[in-house]
Amino acid sequence: IDGVDNQAPGLNFSLGNFLGSSELDVLNVDIIAGASSAYFGPNAFNGVINIKTQNPFAQKGLSASLKAGERNMINGAIRWANSALNKEGKEWFAYKLNFAYLRADDWVADNDDAVYETDSPKGNPGGHDAVNTYGDEYYAGADQTSSEPWSDQFYGIVHRQGYDEIDLVDYDTKNTKANVALHFRTKPDLDFLSPEFIVSSSFGNGTTVYQGDNRFSLKNILFFQNRIEYRKRDKYFIRAYATHEDAGDSYDPYATALGLQNMVKSNAEYASDYGIQWSNNNYDQGMIDRGYPELDLTDPFNPFFDTAASDAWFADMDNQKLLEDWHTELRNHVENDLGVEDPMNRNVYLKPGTTEFEDAFNMITSAINSDTVFINEDGEVIKGTRFYDKSALYHLHGEYTITPNPEKISFIDKWVIGANARLYTPSTNGTIFDDKTEDITNSEFGAYTGIEENFWDDKMKATATVRMDKNENFDLIATPAASLVWQPKQGS
C-alpha cells in the first residue's frame, strides 16, 4: 500500500487490508505479476497487489460511507482532505485524515466431517477426529484395532470429546483503522510536477480468526505503520517506513483445547480409564451374548476364530447402534462421573459455558505459550497459549527511473534502478522465536534494475529485470525475470 509492504513482521502473515486504507481513500488497485514484481522486493516474486491511495492535493473535501448487511455487518468510513496556499497562491501543503470501522459476525467453522485420511470415519462408535473440533485427535493408546478380535478389549478406536471451535474463538469480528498523511511540495510553482515530501502514519486494531497451518484467534491485535518519503512522480523516490505489531490477547485455539483436556486428565489416563470401564461394564460379554463369535479352543493346537461371523456382526446396523450407545454411555461416565481431585474441583470434561470452563480457559489463554500454568496428575506440563509479539520491521527503499532519449536509445522506453535494505527486530519473549534470553535481529538488502520497451503501437510490452538479494543467513542470490505482454487494444 503506497509502496509499503503490508506484512506482519513477527506473526509473518499478510495483513491484507486490516491495516490498509478504506475504500474512500483508494485511488487504484493493480495486480502486478511477471518481471515487474522485482521492483517490489524479494518476497514479491509470485506477484503483488499494489494499492495506491488518493493524493490530498488532487482529491480534497469530505467523504463518508456507511454500509450494513447480513451477519450484522456494519462498515463505516470517513475521509477529510484539504490543502493550504503559500504567499504566491500556490498549493504547498496538503493533508488527509481517514477513519474506518467494521464489525460483523464471522463465518462459523463447524465442519463435523472426519479429517481427510483418518482411520476413524464419521459414525465410528468411538468417535472421530472432526475438522473443526480440537482435542479429539487420534491417540495410539486408545486404538485397539491392532488387538486380536477375540481379546479382552476390542472396542476399536476411541476419541476424546474435544472442543468445537465455536467454544474457543471469538467470531465477533471487529476492525478499526485510522490514517493521517501530510504532503509538502518542495517546488510549489511546478504544481503536480513538484517533488513531494510525505509523512504518513497508520493504525489498525481488531479481532478476527486467521487461517494458517492452524486456525488462530487474533484478539485485540494492534499494528502501527509510519512512513516518510521524498518522491517525484514517475521519476524517483526514497522511502523509509517502520511496522510495529502487538499480538494483544491472540492465542492458539487448538493448543487451548489440548490444554483444557490435559489439565484434568492426560490422554494416557483417559485411555486407561476407558478400557477399565469397558471391562467393568462387561461389554465384551454383552457382544458375545448378542452373537459375537468366541475363540474356539476345542483343538488347542489349532484354535479357530470365525472371522466371517465377526465381520457380519459388525456390519449389522443394530449392532452398530448398540456399540454407539455403549460408547456414548461410557464416554459420559469417564468424562463426567470420574472427576479428579484438583484445586479447581473439576470433572474430566470442562463443559463450555460453565464457570469451571471459563476459569480454565482464561488461565490458559492469558498466559504466554512459554509459561507453565498447570501440571496434571501425570506430571504433564500445561502451557499457556497466548502469543507475545511486539516485533518490528524497518525498511529503506530508493528508486530512480531513467527515460532515454529515443533519438539516441530507441530500444528502451524506461530504465529502472533501485535498492532496498530491511531490518527485522523480533520481540516474542520466546513464544515464536528463541529470543527469551537474548535479542535477535535479521537484516537483508537488495538491488535491482529493469528495462521496459513498448512496440507495435504500444500493443506489445517487453520487460526484463534482475534482482540481487542478500539475507544475513543466506548467500547472495540473483533473480532474473522477463515478460512479454500483448494488449491488442486499449482497455482490453
Protein backbone atom coordinates (compact mmCIF):
# COMPACT_ATOMS: atom_id res chain seq x y z
CA ILE A 1 0.00 0.00 0.00
CA ASP A 2 1.72 3.18 -1.28
CA GLY A 3 4.91 1.16 -1.60
CA VAL A 4 4.77 -0.22 1.96
CA ASP A 5 4.96 -3.99 2.41
CA ASN A 6 1.83 -4.81 4.39
CA GLN A 7 3.15 -7.82 6.28
CA ALA A 8 3.20 -8.68 9.99
CA PRO A 9 6.91 -8.71 10.89
CA GLY A 10 6.65 -11.29 13.68
CA LEU A 11 3.49 -13.33 13.09
CA ASN A 12 4.51 -13.43 9.41
CA PHE A 13 1.17 -13.24 7.67
CA SER A 14 -0.22 -10.76 5.20
CA LEU A 15 -2.33 -8.09 6.83
CA GLY A 16 -4.40 -7.64 3.69
CA ASN A 17 -6.47 -4.52 4.24
CA PHE A 18 -6.55 -4.97 8.02
CA LEU A 19 -4.05 -2.11 8.26
CA GLY A 20 -4.86 -0.66 4.87
CA SER A 21 -6.97 2.26 3.73
CA SER A 22 -10.72 2.45 3.49
CA GLU A 23 -12.16 2.36 0.01
CA LEU A 24 -12.84 6.09 0.29
CA ASP A 25 -9.09 6.70 0.05
CA VAL A 26 -8.18 4.07 -2.56
CA LEU A 27 -7.15 5.52 -5.93
CA ASN A 28 -6.48 2.27 -7.78
CA VAL A 29 -5.55 -1.36 -7.26
CA ASP A 30 -3.11 -3.05 -9.63
CA ILE A 31 -2.33 -6.75 -9.86
CA ILE A 32 1.33 -6.92 -10.83
CA ALA A 33 2.81 -10.20 -12.00
CA GLY A 34 5.80 -11.13 -14.08
CA ALA A 35 9.12 -9.34 -14.28
CA SER A 36 7.86 -6.04 -12.85
CA SER A 37 7.29 -7.67 -9.45
CA ALA A 38 11.08 -7.43 -8.95
CA TYR A 39 10.60 -3.73 -8.15
CA PHE A 40 8.64 -4.63 -5.01
CA GLY A 41 11.16 -6.77 -3.17
CA PRO A 42 12.43 -10.35 -2.96
CA ASN A 43 9.19 -11.63 -1.42
CA ALA A 44 7.06 -10.48 -4.38
CA PHE A 45 8.31 -12.98 -6.96
CA ASN A 46 4.81 -14.52 -7.24
CA GLY A 47 3.28 -11.11 -7.86
CA VAL A 48 1.90 -8.32 -5.70
CA ILE A 49 -1.34 -6.44 -5.14
CA ASN A 50 -0.33 -2.80 -5.38
CA ILE A 51 -2.78 -0.34 -3.79
CA LYS A 52 -2.34 3.39 -4.30
CA THR A 53 -4.21 5.87 -2.16
CA GLN A 54 -5.53 9.28 -3.12
CA ASN A 55 -3.31 12.33 -3.05
CA PRO A 56 -4.82 15.10 -0.90
CA PHE A 57 -3.65 17.72 -3.41
CA ALA A 58 -5.85 16.11 -6.05
CA GLN A 59 -8.76 14.66 -4.07
CA LYS A 60 -9.98 17.13 -1.45
CA GLY A 61 -13.05 17.51 0.69
CA LEU A 62 -15.18 15.40 2.98
CA SER A 63 -16.48 11.98 2.06
CA ALA A 64 -18.20 9.32 4.12
CA SER A 65 -19.79 5.93 3.63
CA LEU A 66 -21.94 3.59 5.69
CA LYS A 67 -22.81 0.03 4.78
CA ALA A 68 -24.90 -2.63 6.50
CA GLY A 69 -25.50 -6.21 5.54
CA GLU A 70 -26.14 -9.74 6.62
CA ARG A 71 -24.37 -11.29 9.61
CA ASN A 72 -24.81 -7.99 11.50
CA MET A 73 -22.25 -6.31 9.27
CA ILE A 74 -21.68 -2.59 9.73
CA ASN A 75 -18.93 -0.78 7.84
CA GLY A 76 -18.42 2.93 8.19
CA ALA A 77 -15.67 5.22 6.91
CA ILE A 78 -14.90 8.93 6.74
CA ARG A 79 -12.21 10.87 4.87
CA TRP A 80 -11.25 14.53 5.03
CA ALA A 81 -8.57 16.17 2.87
CA ASN A 82 -7.58 19.76 2.26
CA SER A 83 -4.64 21.90 1.22
CA ALA A 84 -3.03 25.25 2.06
CA LEU A 85 -1.67 28.04 -0.17
CA ASN A 86 1.58 29.91 0.16
CA LYS A 87 2.01 33.67 -0.30
CA GLU A 88 2.10 33.27 -4.08
CA GLY A 89 -1.25 31.43 -4.06
CA LYS A 90 0.33 28.06 -4.83
CA GLU A 91 -0.60 24.87 -3.01
CA TRP A 92 2.38 23.83 -0.90
CA PHE A 93 0.83 21.69 1.84
CA ALA A 94 -1.99 19.15 1.92
CA TYR A 95 -3.23 16.63 4.42
CA LYS A 96 -5.75 13.84 4.71
CA LEU A 97 -7.41 12.06 7.62
CA ASN A 98 -9.02 8.64 7.37
CA PHE A 99 -11.01 6.59 9.84
CA ALA A 100 -12.85 3.31 9.24
CA TYR A 101 -14.67 0.77 11.38
CA LEU A 102 -16.01 -2.68 10.54
CA ARG A 103 -17.84 -5.24 12.61
CA ALA A 104 -19.54 -8.46 11.53
CA ASP A 105 -20.33 -11.96 12.68
CA ASP A 106 -17.64 -14.13 11.12
CA TRP A 107 -18.44 -17.44 9.45
CA VAL A 108 -18.67 -20.26 11.99
CA ALA A 109 -16.31 -23.16 11.31
CA ASP A 110 -18.49 -26.14 12.27
CA ASN A 111 -17.45 -28.91 9.88
CA ASP A 112 -18.11 -32.16 11.75
CA ASP A 113 -16.76 -34.41 8.97
CA ALA A 114 -13.79 -36.61 9.74
CA VAL A 115 -10.40 -35.18 8.85
CA TYR A 116 -9.22 -36.47 5.48
CA GLU A 117 -7.48 -39.87 5.53
CA THR A 118 -8.03 -40.53 9.23
CA ASP A 119 -8.71 -44.09 10.37
CA SER A 120 -11.99 -43.27 12.11
CA PRO A 121 -14.78 -42.31 9.71
CA LYS A 122 -17.71 -40.22 10.80
CA GLY A 123 -20.08 -42.59 12.59
CA ASN A 124 -17.32 -44.60 14.24
CA PRO A 125 -18.86 -45.73 17.56
CA GLY A 126 -15.81 -44.49 19.48
CA GLY A 127 -15.96 -41.05 17.87
CA HIS A 128 -13.87 -39.42 15.15
CA ASP A 129 -11.44 -36.58 14.53
CA ALA A 130 -13.71 -33.79 13.25
CA VAL A 131 -12.35 -30.98 11.09
CA ASN A 132 -13.40 -28.12 13.37
CA THR A 133 -13.22 -29.89 16.72
CA TYR A 134 -9.91 -29.76 18.60
CA GLY A 135 -8.68 -32.27 21.18
CA ASP A 136 -10.43 -35.22 19.52
CA GLU A 137 -7.33 -36.23 17.55
CA TYR A 138 -6.13 -39.80 17.22
CA TYR A 139 -4.23 -41.21 20.20
CA ALA A 140 -2.43 -44.53 19.74
CA GLY A 141 -3.11 -45.60 23.33
CA ALA A 142 -6.86 -45.54 22.61
CA ASP A 143 -6.59 -47.68 19.48
CA GLN A 144 -7.49 -51.34 19.98
CA THR A 145 -7.82 -52.22 16.30
CA SER A 146 -4.45 -53.98 16.34
CA SER A 147 -5.64 -56.36 19.09
CA GLU A 148 -6.85 -59.82 18.21
CA PRO A 149 -10.60 -59.75 17.59
CA TRP A 150 -11.22 -62.25 20.43
CA SER A 151 -9.06 -60.41 23.01
CA ASP A 152 -10.32 -58.64 26.11
CA GLN A 153 -10.74 -55.16 24.64
CA PHE A 154 -11.91 -54.86 21.06
CA TYR A 155 -13.85 -51.61 21.10
CA GLY A 156 -11.94 -50.12 18.14
CA ILE A 157 -10.60 -46.56 18.13
CA VAL A 158 -11.74 -44.11 20.81
CA HIS A 159 -11.56 -40.32 20.50
CA ARG A 160 -11.99 -37.82 23.29
CA GLN A 161 -14.91 -35.44 23.03
CA GLY A 162 -12.79 -32.39 22.23
CA TYR A 163 -13.99 -28.81 21.91
CA ASP A 164 -15.79 -27.24 18.98
CA GLU A 165 -14.10 -24.16 17.56
CA ILE A 166 -17.16 -22.05 18.28
CA ASP A 167 -16.49 -22.59 22.01
CA LEU A 168 -12.86 -21.50 21.70
CA VAL A 169 -12.74 -18.40 19.47
CA ASP A 170 -14.45 -15.04 19.17
CA TYR A 171 -16.42 -14.81 15.93
CA ASP A 172 -17.34 -11.18 16.63
CA THR A 173 -15.02 -9.68 14.03
CA LYS A 174 -14.00 -6.06 14.56
CA ASN A 175 -11.55 -3.82 12.75
CA THR A 176 -10.69 -0.20 13.44
CA LYS A 177 -8.17 1.65 11.32
CA ALA A 178 -7.01 5.23 11.02
CA ASN A 179 -4.52 7.13 8.90
CA VAL A 180 -3.08 10.61 8.72
CA ALA A 181 -0.82 11.84 5.91
CA LEU A 182 0.93 15.18 5.45
CA HIS A 183 2.16 16.15 1.97
CA PHE A 184 4.61 19.02 1.32
CA ARG A 185 5.51 20.30 -2.16
CA THR A 186 9.14 21.36 -2.26
CA LYS A 187 8.62 23.30 -5.50
CA PRO A 188 5.02 24.58 -5.40
CA ASP A 189 5.44 26.51 -8.65
CA LEU A 190 5.60 23.19 -10.52
CA ASP A 191 2.16 22.19 -9.23
CA PHE A 192 1.66 18.42 -9.70
CA LEU A 193 5.14 18.08 -11.20
CA SER A 194 6.69 19.22 -7.92
CA PRO A 195 8.55 16.72 -5.75
CA GLU A 196 6.71 15.88 -2.54
CA PHE A 197 7.81 15.15 0.99
CA ILE A 198 5.31 12.86 2.75
CA VAL A 199 4.85 11.92 6.39
CA SER A 200 2.22 9.25 7.00
CA SER A 201 1.07 7.22 9.99
CA SER A 202 -1.42 4.33 10.06
CA PHE A 203 -3.05 2.39 12.85
CA GLY A 204 -5.01 -0.86 12.83
CA ASN A 205 -6.70 -2.79 15.62
CA GLY A 206 -9.16 -5.62 15.76
CA THR A 207 -10.31 -9.14 16.46
CA THR A 208 -10.73 -11.89 13.89
CA VAL A 209 -9.95 -15.53 13.12
CA TYR A 210 -6.91 -16.20 10.94
CA GLN A 211 -6.44 -19.32 8.84
CA GLY A 212 -2.86 -20.60 8.59
CA ASP A 213 -1.47 -24.06 9.29
CA ASN A 214 -3.83 -23.89 12.25
CA ARG A 215 -6.71 -21.59 12.99
CA PHE A 216 -5.60 -18.67 15.16
CA SER A 217 -7.75 -16.35 17.23
CA LEU A 218 -6.39 -12.83 16.69
CA LYS A 219 -7.81 -10.83 19.57
CA ASN A 220 -7.16 -7.14 20.22
CA ILE A 221 -4.23 -7.21 17.80
CA LEU A 222 -2.50 -3.89 17.08
CA PHE A 223 -0.46 -2.60 14.16
CA PHE A 224 1.32 0.72 13.68
CA GLN A 225 2.94 1.86 10.45
CA ASN A 226 4.91 5.08 9.98
CA ARG A 227 6.34 6.29 6.66
CA ILE A 228 8.42 9.18 5.41
CA GLU A 229 9.04 9.59 1.70
CA TYR A 230 10.51 12.04 -0.76
CA ARG A 231 9.38 11.49 -4.32
CA LYS A 232 8.89 12.95 -7.76
CA ARG A 233 6.12 11.22 -9.63
CA ASP A 234 7.32 8.77 -12.32
CA LYS A 235 10.93 9.81 -11.68
CA TYR A 236 12.35 8.87 -8.27
CA PHE A 237 11.59 8.21 -4.63
CA ILE A 238 13.36 7.43 -1.40
CA ARG A 239 11.13 5.87 1.23
CA ALA A 240 11.60 4.74 4.82
CA TYR A 241 8.95 3.06 6.90
CA ALA A 242 8.52 1.03 10.07
CA THR A 243 5.88 -1.52 11.01
CA HIS A 244 5.25 -2.37 14.66
CA GLU A 245 2.84 -5.02 15.88
CA ASP A 246 1.38 -6.15 19.18
CA ALA A 247 -0.33 -9.53 19.23
CA GLY A 248 -2.58 -8.35 22.07
CA ASP A 249 -4.60 -11.24 23.51
CA SER A 250 -4.20 -13.53 20.48
CA TYR A 251 -3.92 -17.25 21.11
CA ASP A 252 -3.93 -20.70 19.52
CA PRO A 253 -7.38 -22.35 19.97
CA TYR A 254 -6.08 -25.82 19.01
CA ALA A 255 -3.42 -25.77 21.73
CA THR A 256 -6.02 -24.32 24.10
CA ALA A 257 -8.31 -27.32 23.56
CA LEU A 258 -5.46 -29.73 24.30
CA GLY A 259 -4.58 -27.79 27.43
CA LEU A 260 -8.18 -27.81 28.70
CA GLN A 261 -8.34 -31.58 28.37
CA ASN A 262 -4.92 -32.33 29.78
CA MET A 263 -5.46 -30.07 32.78
CA VAL A 264 -7.87 -32.63 34.20
CA LYS A 265 -6.75 -35.88 32.61
CA SER A 266 -3.96 -36.89 30.26
CA ASN A 267 -4.68 -38.91 27.12
CA ALA A 268 -2.91 -41.90 28.67
CA GLU A 269 -5.02 -41.79 31.82
CA TYR A 270 -8.17 -41.23 29.80
CA ALA A 271 -7.47 -44.26 27.59
CA SER A 272 -6.69 -46.39 30.64
CA ASP A 273 -9.91 -45.38 32.41
CA TYR A 274 -11.89 -46.03 29.25
CA GLY A 275 -10.52 -49.54 28.89
CA ILE A 276 -11.06 -50.34 32.56
CA GLN A 277 -14.65 -49.15 32.47
CA TRP A 278 -15.30 -51.10 29.27
CA SER A 279 -14.22 -54.27 31.06
CA ASN A 280 -16.08 -53.36 34.26
CA ASN A 281 -19.32 -52.96 32.32
CA ASN A 282 -18.85 -56.40 30.70
CA TYR A 283 -19.42 -55.01 27.23
CA ASP A 284 -17.29 -57.83 25.80
CA GLN A 285 -19.71 -60.37 27.26
CA GLY A 286 -22.61 -58.28 26.03
CA MET A 287 -21.29 -58.62 22.50
CA ILE A 288 -20.95 -62.39 22.91
CA ASP A 289 -24.46 -62.63 24.31
CA ARG A 290 -25.68 -60.98 21.12
CA GLY A 291 -23.97 -63.43 18.81
CA TYR A 292 -20.39 -62.23 18.55
CA PRO A 293 -18.19 -65.33 17.91
CA GLU A 294 -15.77 -66.61 20.57
CA LEU A 295 -12.38 -68.16 20.04
CA ASP A 296 -12.81 -71.93 19.61
CA LEU A 297 -10.16 -73.74 21.66
CA THR A 298 -11.53 -77.27 21.09
CA ASP A 299 -8.25 -78.06 19.41
CA PRO A 300 -5.62 -76.17 21.47
CA PHE A 301 -3.05 -76.75 18.74
CA ASN A 302 -5.30 -75.26 16.08
CA PRO A 303 -7.56 -72.59 17.62
CA PHE A 304 -10.24 -71.22 15.35
CA PHE A 305 -11.99 -67.86 15.15
CA ASP A 306 -14.88 -67.27 12.79
CA THR A 307 -13.70 -64.04 11.11
CA ALA A 308 -16.61 -64.05 8.67
CA ALA A 309 -19.10 -64.12 11.54
CA SER A 310 -17.19 -61.31 13.27
CA ASP A 311 -17.36 -59.13 10.14
CA ALA A 312 -21.06 -59.89 9.75
CA TRP A 313 -21.70 -58.92 13.37
CA PHE A 314 -20.08 -55.51 12.93
CA ALA A 315 -21.90 -54.99 9.62
CA ASP A 316 -25.27 -55.39 11.30
CA MET A 317 -26.81 -51.93 11.85
CA ASP A 318 -28.47 -52.96 15.11
CA ASN A 319 -25.11 -53.99 16.49
CA GLN A 320 -23.57 -50.72 15.33
CA LYS A 321 -26.31 -48.79 17.12
CA LEU A 322 -25.66 -50.88 20.22
CA LEU A 323 -21.94 -50.03 20.12
CA GLU A 324 -22.72 -46.33 19.66
CA ASP A 325 -24.98 -46.39 22.73
CA TRP A 326 -22.35 -48.19 24.79
CA HIS A 327 -19.61 -45.75 23.78
CA THR A 328 -21.84 -42.75 24.48
CA GLU A 329 -22.70 -44.15 27.88
CA LEU A 330 -19.07 -44.93 28.61
CA ARG A 331 -17.78 -41.53 27.44
CA ASN A 332 -20.28 -39.72 29.62
CA HIS A 333 -19.24 -41.86 32.56
CA VAL A 334 -15.49 -41.46 32.03
CA GLU A 335 -15.67 -37.72 31.30
CA ASN A 336 -18.25 -36.65 33.85
CA ASP A 337 -18.57 -39.20 36.66
CA LEU A 338 -14.89 -39.94 37.30
CA GLY A 339 -13.96 -36.48 38.49
CA VAL A 340 -10.44 -35.97 39.76
CA GLU A 341 -9.34 -34.05 42.81
CA ASP A 342 -7.63 -30.82 41.81
CA PRO A 343 -7.52 -27.20 43.01
CA MET A 344 -10.49 -26.26 40.82
CA ASN A 345 -12.55 -29.38 41.67
CA ARG A 346 -13.33 -30.15 38.04
CA ASN A 347 -14.57 -33.22 36.23
CA VAL A 348 -12.74 -34.78 33.31
CA TYR A 349 -14.56 -32.67 30.74
CA LEU A 350 -14.89 -28.95 31.28
CA LYS A 351 -18.22 -28.09 29.74
CA PRO A 352 -18.28 -24.80 27.76
CA GLY A 353 -20.39 -22.17 29.45
CA THR A 354 -19.63 -23.31 32.97
CA THR A 355 -17.60 -21.33 35.47
CA GLU A 356 -15.04 -24.13 35.60
CA PHE A 357 -14.53 -23.96 31.84
CA GLU A 358 -14.24 -20.16 31.79
CA ASP A 359 -11.73 -20.16 34.65
CA ALA A 360 -9.54 -22.78 32.99
CA PHE A 361 -9.89 -21.16 29.55
CA ASN A 362 -8.86 -17.75 30.86
CA MET A 363 -5.97 -19.29 32.78
CA ILE A 364 -4.55 -20.88 29.61
CA THR A 365 -5.22 -18.11 27.09
CA SER A 366 -3.95 -15.31 29.33
CA ALA A 367 -0.53 -16.94 29.79
CA ILE A 368 2.09 -16.91 27.02
CA ASN A 369 2.96 -20.25 25.46
CA SER A 370 6.34 -20.45 27.15
CA ASP A 371 4.90 -20.26 30.68
CA THR A 372 3.61 -23.18 32.75
CA VAL A 373 0.05 -22.73 34.02
CA PHE A 374 -0.70 -26.20 35.40
CA ILE A 375 0.80 -29.64 35.99
CA ASN A 376 -1.67 -32.53 35.91
CA GLU A 377 -1.61 -35.76 37.91
CA ASP A 378 0.54 -37.49 35.29
CA GLY A 379 3.14 -34.74 35.56
CA GLU A 380 2.28 -33.27 32.16
CA VAL A 381 3.03 -29.56 31.92
CA ILE A 382 0.21 -27.39 30.58
CA LYS A 383 1.49 -24.27 28.85
CA GLY A 384 -0.26 -21.03 28.07
CA THR A 385 -1.41 -20.43 24.50
CA ARG A 386 -1.25 -16.65 24.16
CA PHE A 387 1.17 -15.13 21.66
CA TYR A 388 3.53 -12.43 22.78
CA ASP A 389 4.67 -10.44 19.80
CA LYS A 390 5.91 -6.86 19.71
CA SER A 391 8.14 -7.27 16.68
CA ALA A 392 9.10 -4.52 14.27
CA LEU A 393 10.23 -4.14 10.67
CA TYR A 394 12.33 -1.22 9.37
CA HIS A 395 12.66 -0.70 5.63
CA LEU A 396 14.55 1.74 3.40
CA HIS A 397 13.89 1.82 -0.34
CA GLY A 398 15.08 4.06 -3.15
CA GLU A 399 14.39 4.02 -6.89
CA TYR A 400 15.26 6.13 -9.93
CA THR A 401 13.68 5.96 -13.39
CA ILE A 402 15.63 6.94 -16.48
CA THR A 403 13.77 7.79 -19.67
CA PRO A 404 16.34 7.61 -22.51
CA ASN A 405 16.26 9.99 -25.45
CA PRO A 406 14.55 7.96 -28.21
CA GLU A 407 16.84 9.55 -30.79
CA LYS A 408 19.88 8.11 -29.01
CA ILE A 409 18.49 4.89 -27.49
CA SER A 410 15.47 3.63 -29.39
CA PHE A 411 15.20 0.15 -27.87
CA ILE A 412 14.49 1.22 -24.25
CA ASP A 413 11.47 3.27 -23.15
CA LYS A 414 12.24 3.09 -19.44
CA TRP A 415 15.17 2.01 -17.29
CA VAL A 416 14.59 1.50 -13.57
CA ILE A 417 17.33 1.25 -10.94
CA GLY A 418 16.63 0.65 -7.26
CA ALA A 419 17.84 -0.76 -3.97
CA ASN A 420 16.38 -1.59 -0.59
CA ALA A 421 17.50 -2.62 2.90
CA ARG A 422 15.45 -4.19 5.67
CA LEU A 423 15.88 -4.96 9.37
CA TYR A 424 13.65 -7.25 11.42
CA THR A 425 13.68 -6.93 15.22
CA PRO A 426 11.59 -9.80 16.66
CA SER A 427 10.33 -9.44 20.21
CA THR A 428 8.33 -12.53 21.11
CA ASN A 429 9.57 -13.46 24.60
CA GLY A 430 10.30 -16.97 23.33
CA THR A 431 6.74 -17.67 22.17
CA ILE A 432 7.55 -17.60 18.44
CA PHE A 433 11.34 -17.16 18.18
CA ASP A 434 14.13 -18.20 20.52
CA ASP A 435 14.53 -14.71 21.93
CA LYS A 436 13.53 -15.06 25.58
CA THR A 437 17.07 -14.65 26.92
CA GLU A 438 18.74 -12.89 24.00
CA ASP A 439 17.55 -10.32 21.46
CA ILE A 440 17.79 -11.39 17.84
CA THR A 441 17.69 -9.42 14.60
CA ASN A 442 17.69 -10.24 10.93
CA SER A 443 18.79 -7.98 8.08
CA GLU A 444 18.74 -8.15 4.30
CA PHE A 445 19.45 -5.87 1.38
CA GLY A 446 18.94 -5.98 -2.35
CA ALA A 447 19.38 -4.09 -5.60
CA TYR A 448 17.56 -4.36 -8.88
CA THR A 449 17.38 -2.97 -12.36
CA GLY A 450 14.92 -3.37 -15.18
CA ILE A 451 14.18 -2.16 -18.66
CA GLU A 452 10.87 -1.77 -20.46
CA GLU A 453 10.07 -1.32 -24.14
CA ASN A 454 6.77 -0.80 -25.93
CA PHE A 455 6.39 -1.52 -29.62
CA TRP A 456 3.78 -2.33 -32.26
CA ASP A 457 1.93 0.91 -31.44
CA ASP A 458 2.19 0.14 -27.72
CA LYS A 459 0.30 -3.12 -28.13
CA MET A 460 3.31 -5.18 -27.04
CA LYS A 461 5.33 -4.55 -23.88
CA ALA A 462 8.59 -6.33 -23.08
CA THR A 463 10.12 -6.20 -19.58
CA ALA A 464 13.37 -7.67 -18.29
CA THR A 465 14.60 -7.36 -14.70
CA VAL A 466 17.22 -8.79 -12.41
CA ARG A 467 17.44 -8.63 -8.61
CA MET A 468 20.41 -9.31 -6.35
CA ASP A 469 19.44 -10.05 -2.73
CA LYS A 470 21.44 -10.93 0.35
CA ASN A 471 19.98 -12.01 3.66
CA GLU A 472 22.43 -12.36 6.54
CA ASN A 473 21.51 -16.05 6.86
CA PHE A 474 21.77 -16.91 3.16
CA ASP A 475 24.12 -16.50 0.23
CA LEU A 476 23.75 -13.74 -2.33
CA ILE A 477 21.15 -14.74 -4.88
CA ALA A 478 20.34 -13.39 -8.34
CA THR A 479 16.78 -13.47 -9.67
CA PRO A 480 16.41 -12.67 -13.37
CA ALA A 481 12.97 -12.37 -14.93
CA ALA A 482 11.42 -11.41 -18.25
CA SER A 483 7.89 -10.98 -19.51
CA LEU A 484 6.13 -10.19 -22.75
CA VAL A 485 2.60 -8.75 -22.65
CA TRP A 486 0.37 -8.31 -25.69
CA GLN A 487 -2.57 -5.93 -25.40
CA PRO A 488 -4.41 -5.88 -28.72
CA LYS A 489 -6.35 -2.71 -27.87
CA GLN A 490 -6.50 -0.24 -25.01
CA GLY A 491 -8.85 -1.20 -22.22
CA SER A 492 -8.91 -4.91 -23.11
